[in-house]
Amino acid sequence: METTAPAVASRELTEQERRILRHVAADGTNDAIAKRLYVSTDVVKTGLRNACQKLGARNRAHAVALATQWGFITLDHVVPRHEP
């Protein structure tokens, strides 16, 4: 497993991609994230796909792990979603 952040500047995550990853970390579905960010689910899917590509992540959970490990996002304010 790679342990250093991507060195290429083009791999920097946009603020939107970071926001989406923080919501993914809180166990948000694409629909729930879209509603919270006032965007379409297509925007969420595209942002997540772009973040995964930039990070070299296999899936959304891996993207959150890598983004956290490399300091692109912090999980200090993540509050997990609770189902009734």
N, C-alpha and C. Protein backbone atom coordinates (compact mmCIF):
# COMPACT_ATOMS: atom_id res chain seq x y z
N MET A 1 0.84 -1.18 0.00
CA MET A 1 0.00 0.00 0.00
C MET A 1 0.88 1.24 0.00
N GLU A 2 0.57 2.17 -0.87
CA GLU A 2 1.34 3.41 -0.97
C GLU A 2 1.07 4.28 0.25
N THR A 3 2.11 4.87 0.82
CA THR A 3 1.92 5.63 2.05
C THR A 3 2.25 7.11 1.91
N THR A 4 2.62 7.56 0.72
CA THR A 4 2.92 8.98 0.54
C THR A 4 1.87 9.60 -0.38
N ALA A 5 1.60 10.87 -0.16
CA ALA A 5 0.60 11.57 -0.97
C ALA A 5 1.10 11.70 -2.40
N PRO A 6 0.17 11.73 -3.34
CA PRO A 6 0.57 11.95 -4.72
C PRO A 6 1.32 13.26 -4.85
N ALA A 7 2.42 13.26 -5.56
CA ALA A 7 3.26 14.45 -5.67
C ALA A 7 2.80 15.39 -6.77
N VAL A 8 2.01 14.91 -7.69
CA VAL A 8 1.59 15.71 -8.83
C VAL A 8 0.52 16.72 -8.41
N ALA A 9 0.73 17.99 -8.75
CA ALA A 9 -0.21 19.04 -8.34
C ALA A 9 -1.62 18.79 -8.87
N SER A 10 -1.74 18.16 -10.04
CA SER A 10 -3.05 17.90 -10.62
C SER A 10 -3.85 16.90 -9.79
N ARG A 11 -3.18 16.24 -8.85
CA ARG A 11 -3.88 15.28 -8.00
C ARG A 11 -4.49 15.94 -6.76
N GLU A 12 -4.31 17.24 -6.63
CA GLU A 12 -4.91 17.95 -5.51
C GLU A 12 -6.43 17.88 -5.63
N LEU A 13 -7.08 17.58 -4.54
CA LEU A 13 -8.54 17.48 -4.55
C LEU A 13 -9.16 18.87 -4.53
N THR A 14 -10.25 19.03 -5.26
CA THR A 14 -10.98 20.29 -5.21
C THR A 14 -11.74 20.36 -3.89
N GLU A 15 -12.18 21.55 -3.54
CA GLU A 15 -12.96 21.70 -2.31
C GLU A 15 -14.24 20.86 -2.38
N GLN A 16 -14.86 20.82 -3.54
CA GLN A 16 -16.09 20.01 -3.71
C GLN A 16 -15.79 18.52 -3.48
N GLU A 17 -14.68 18.03 -4.02
CA GLU A 17 -14.31 16.63 -3.82
C GLU A 17 -14.03 16.35 -2.34
N ARG A 18 -13.39 17.28 -1.66
CA ARG A 18 -13.13 17.12 -0.23
C ARG A 18 -14.43 17.09 0.55
N ARG A 19 -15.33 17.99 0.21
CA ARG A 19 -16.63 18.05 0.88
C ARG A 19 -17.38 16.73 0.71
N ILE A 20 -17.38 16.22 -0.50
CA ILE A 20 -18.06 14.95 -0.77
C ILE A 20 -17.44 13.83 0.04
N LEU A 21 -16.13 13.77 0.08
CA LEU A 21 -15.45 12.71 0.84
C LEU A 21 -15.76 12.79 2.33
N ARG A 22 -15.86 14.01 2.86
CA ARG A 22 -16.23 14.14 4.28
C ARG A 22 -17.63 13.59 4.54
N HIS A 23 -18.53 13.82 3.61
CA HIS A 23 -19.89 13.28 3.75
C HIS A 23 -19.91 11.76 3.55
N VAL A 24 -19.08 11.26 2.67
CA VAL A 24 -18.96 9.80 2.50
C VAL A 24 -18.47 9.19 3.80
N ALA A 25 -17.51 9.86 4.45
CA ALA A 25 -16.98 9.36 5.71
C ALA A 25 -18.05 9.27 6.79
N ALA A 26 -19.05 10.12 6.70
CA ALA A 26 -20.14 10.11 7.67
C ALA A 26 -21.21 9.10 7.26
N ASP A 27 -20.86 8.20 6.34
CA ASP A 27 -21.75 7.14 5.87
C ASP A 27 -22.92 7.67 5.07
N GLY A 28 -22.66 8.76 4.34
CA GLY A 28 -23.72 9.33 3.53
C GLY A 28 -23.87 8.63 2.19
N THR A 29 -25.11 8.44 1.79
CA THR A 29 -25.38 7.90 0.47
C THR A 29 -25.25 9.04 -0.54
N ASN A 30 -25.14 8.71 -1.81
CA ASN A 30 -25.04 9.75 -2.83
C ASN A 30 -26.25 10.68 -2.78
N ASP A 31 -27.44 10.10 -2.61
CA ASP A 31 -28.66 10.93 -2.54
C ASP A 31 -28.63 11.87 -1.34
N ALA A 32 -28.25 11.35 -0.19
CA ALA A 32 -28.20 12.18 1.03
C ALA A 32 -27.16 13.28 0.90
N ILE A 33 -26.01 12.95 0.33
CA ILE A 33 -24.95 13.94 0.15
C ILE A 33 -25.43 15.03 -0.80
N ALA A 34 -26.08 14.65 -1.89
CA ALA A 34 -26.59 15.61 -2.86
C ALA A 34 -27.57 16.58 -2.20
N LYS A 35 -28.44 16.06 -1.36
CA LYS A 35 -29.41 16.94 -0.68
C LYS A 35 -28.71 17.89 0.28
N ARG A 36 -27.72 17.40 1.01
CA ARG A 36 -27.02 18.25 1.98
C ARG A 36 -26.19 19.34 1.29
N LEU A 37 -25.64 19.02 0.13
CA LEU A 37 -24.79 19.99 -0.58
C LEU A 37 -25.56 20.80 -1.62
N TYR A 38 -26.86 20.52 -1.77
CA TYR A 38 -27.69 21.23 -2.74
C TYR A 38 -27.16 21.10 -4.16
N VAL A 39 -26.80 19.86 -4.52
CA VAL A 39 -26.34 19.54 -5.87
C VAL A 39 -27.07 18.27 -6.32
N SER A 40 -26.90 17.91 -7.58
CA SER A 40 -27.52 16.70 -8.09
C SER A 40 -26.70 15.47 -7.69
N THR A 41 -27.31 14.31 -7.75
CA THR A 41 -26.57 13.08 -7.46
C THR A 41 -25.49 12.86 -8.50
N ASP A 42 -25.70 13.34 -9.72
CA ASP A 42 -24.66 13.22 -10.75
C ASP A 42 -23.41 14.01 -10.36
N VAL A 43 -23.59 15.18 -9.75
CA VAL A 43 -22.44 15.97 -9.29
C VAL A 43 -21.70 15.20 -8.20
N VAL A 44 -22.41 14.57 -7.30
CA VAL A 44 -21.79 13.77 -6.24
C VAL A 44 -21.02 12.60 -6.85
N LYS A 45 -21.65 11.88 -7.76
CA LYS A 45 -21.00 10.72 -8.40
C LYS A 45 -19.74 11.15 -9.15
N THR A 46 -19.83 12.24 -9.86
CA THR A 46 -18.67 12.73 -10.62
C THR A 46 -17.55 13.15 -9.67
N GLY A 47 -17.90 13.88 -8.63
CA GLY A 47 -16.89 14.31 -7.65
C GLY A 47 -16.22 13.13 -6.99
N LEU A 48 -17.00 12.13 -6.64
CA LEU A 48 -16.45 10.94 -6.00
C LEU A 48 -15.57 10.16 -6.97
N ARG A 49 -16.01 10.03 -8.21
CA ARG A 49 -15.22 9.33 -9.22
C ARG A 49 -13.89 10.06 -9.47
N ASN A 50 -13.95 11.39 -9.57
CA ASN A 50 -12.72 12.17 -9.78
C ASN A 50 -11.77 12.04 -8.60
N ALA A 51 -12.31 12.10 -7.38
CA ALA A 51 -11.48 11.96 -6.19
C ALA A 51 -10.82 10.58 -6.17
N CYS A 52 -11.57 9.55 -6.49
CA CYS A 52 -11.01 8.18 -6.52
C CYS A 52 -9.88 8.08 -7.53
N GLN A 53 -10.07 8.68 -8.70
CA GLN A 53 -9.03 8.64 -9.73
C GLN A 53 -7.79 9.39 -9.28
N LYS A 54 -7.97 10.57 -8.73
CA LYS A 54 -6.83 11.37 -8.29
C LYS A 54 -6.05 10.69 -7.17
N LEU A 55 -6.77 10.00 -6.29
CA LEU A 55 -6.12 9.35 -5.15
C LEU A 55 -5.63 7.94 -5.47
N GLY A 56 -6.09 7.38 -6.59
CA GLY A 56 -5.76 6.00 -6.91
C GLY A 56 -6.52 5.03 -6.02
N ALA A 57 -7.72 5.43 -5.61
CA ALA A 57 -8.52 4.62 -4.70
C ALA A 57 -9.36 3.59 -5.45
N ARG A 58 -9.57 2.46 -4.78
CA ARG A 58 -10.35 1.37 -5.36
C ARG A 58 -11.85 1.59 -5.21
N ASN A 59 -12.25 2.30 -4.16
CA ASN A 59 -13.67 2.53 -3.90
C ASN A 59 -13.81 3.72 -2.97
N ARG A 60 -15.04 4.04 -2.60
CA ARG A 60 -15.29 5.24 -1.79
C ARG A 60 -14.65 5.16 -0.41
N ALA A 61 -14.68 3.99 0.21
CA ALA A 61 -14.07 3.84 1.54
C ALA A 61 -12.55 4.02 1.45
N HIS A 62 -11.95 3.45 0.41
CA HIS A 62 -10.51 3.59 0.22
C HIS A 62 -10.15 5.05 -0.05
N ALA A 63 -11.01 5.76 -0.79
CA ALA A 63 -10.77 7.18 -1.07
C ALA A 63 -10.77 8.00 0.22
N VAL A 64 -11.72 7.72 1.11
CA VAL A 64 -11.76 8.43 2.39
C VAL A 64 -10.50 8.12 3.20
N ALA A 65 -10.11 6.85 3.23
CA ALA A 65 -8.92 6.46 3.99
C ALA A 65 -7.67 7.16 3.46
N LEU A 66 -7.49 7.17 2.15
CA LEU A 66 -6.31 7.80 1.56
C LEU A 66 -6.34 9.32 1.75
N ALA A 67 -7.50 9.93 1.53
CA ALA A 67 -7.61 11.38 1.69
C ALA A 67 -7.32 11.79 3.13
N THR A 68 -7.73 10.97 4.07
CA THR A 68 -7.46 11.24 5.49
C THR A 68 -5.99 11.04 5.79
N GLN A 69 -5.45 9.93 5.33
CA GLN A 69 -4.04 9.61 5.58
C GLN A 69 -3.11 10.68 5.02
N TRP A 70 -3.45 11.21 3.86
CA TRP A 70 -2.59 12.18 3.20
C TRP A 70 -2.92 13.62 3.55
N GLY A 71 -3.87 13.82 4.45
CA GLY A 71 -4.17 15.15 4.94
C GLY A 71 -5.06 16.00 4.04
N PHE A 72 -5.69 15.40 3.05
CA PHE A 72 -6.60 16.16 2.19
C PHE A 72 -7.89 16.49 2.94
N ILE A 73 -8.31 15.62 3.84
CA ILE A 73 -9.48 15.87 4.67
C ILE A 73 -9.16 15.43 6.10
N THR A 74 -9.91 15.98 7.04
CA THR A 74 -9.84 15.52 8.42
C THR A 74 -11.23 15.02 8.80
N LEU A 75 -11.28 14.17 9.77
CA LEU A 75 -12.55 13.60 10.19
C LEU A 75 -12.97 14.13 11.55
N ASP A 76 -12.40 15.25 11.96
CA ASP A 76 -12.68 15.84 13.26
C ASP A 76 -14.16 16.15 13.47
N HIS A 77 -14.82 16.59 12.42
CA HIS A 77 -16.22 17.02 12.55
C HIS A 77 -17.20 16.05 11.93
N VAL A 78 -16.77 14.85 11.62
CA VAL A 78 -17.66 13.86 11.01
C VAL A 78 -18.55 13.27 12.10
N VAL A 79 -19.84 13.36 11.86
CA VAL A 79 -20.80 12.74 12.76
C VAL A 79 -21.51 11.66 11.97
N PRO A 80 -21.36 10.40 12.39
CA PRO A 80 -21.98 9.32 11.64
C PRO A 80 -23.50 9.46 11.60
N ARG A 81 -24.05 9.05 10.51
CA ARG A 81 -25.50 9.05 10.31
C ARG A 81 -26.05 7.88 11.10
N HIS A 82 -27.15 8.09 11.80
CA HIS A 82 -27.78 7.02 12.57
C HIS A 82 -29.15 6.72 11.99
N GLU A 83 -29.38 5.46 11.74
CA GLU A 83 -30.68 5.02 11.25
C GLU A 83 -31.62 4.81 12.41
N PRO A 84 -32.89 5.19 12.28
CA PRO A 84 -33.85 4.95 13.37
C PRO A 84 -34.14 3.48 13.54
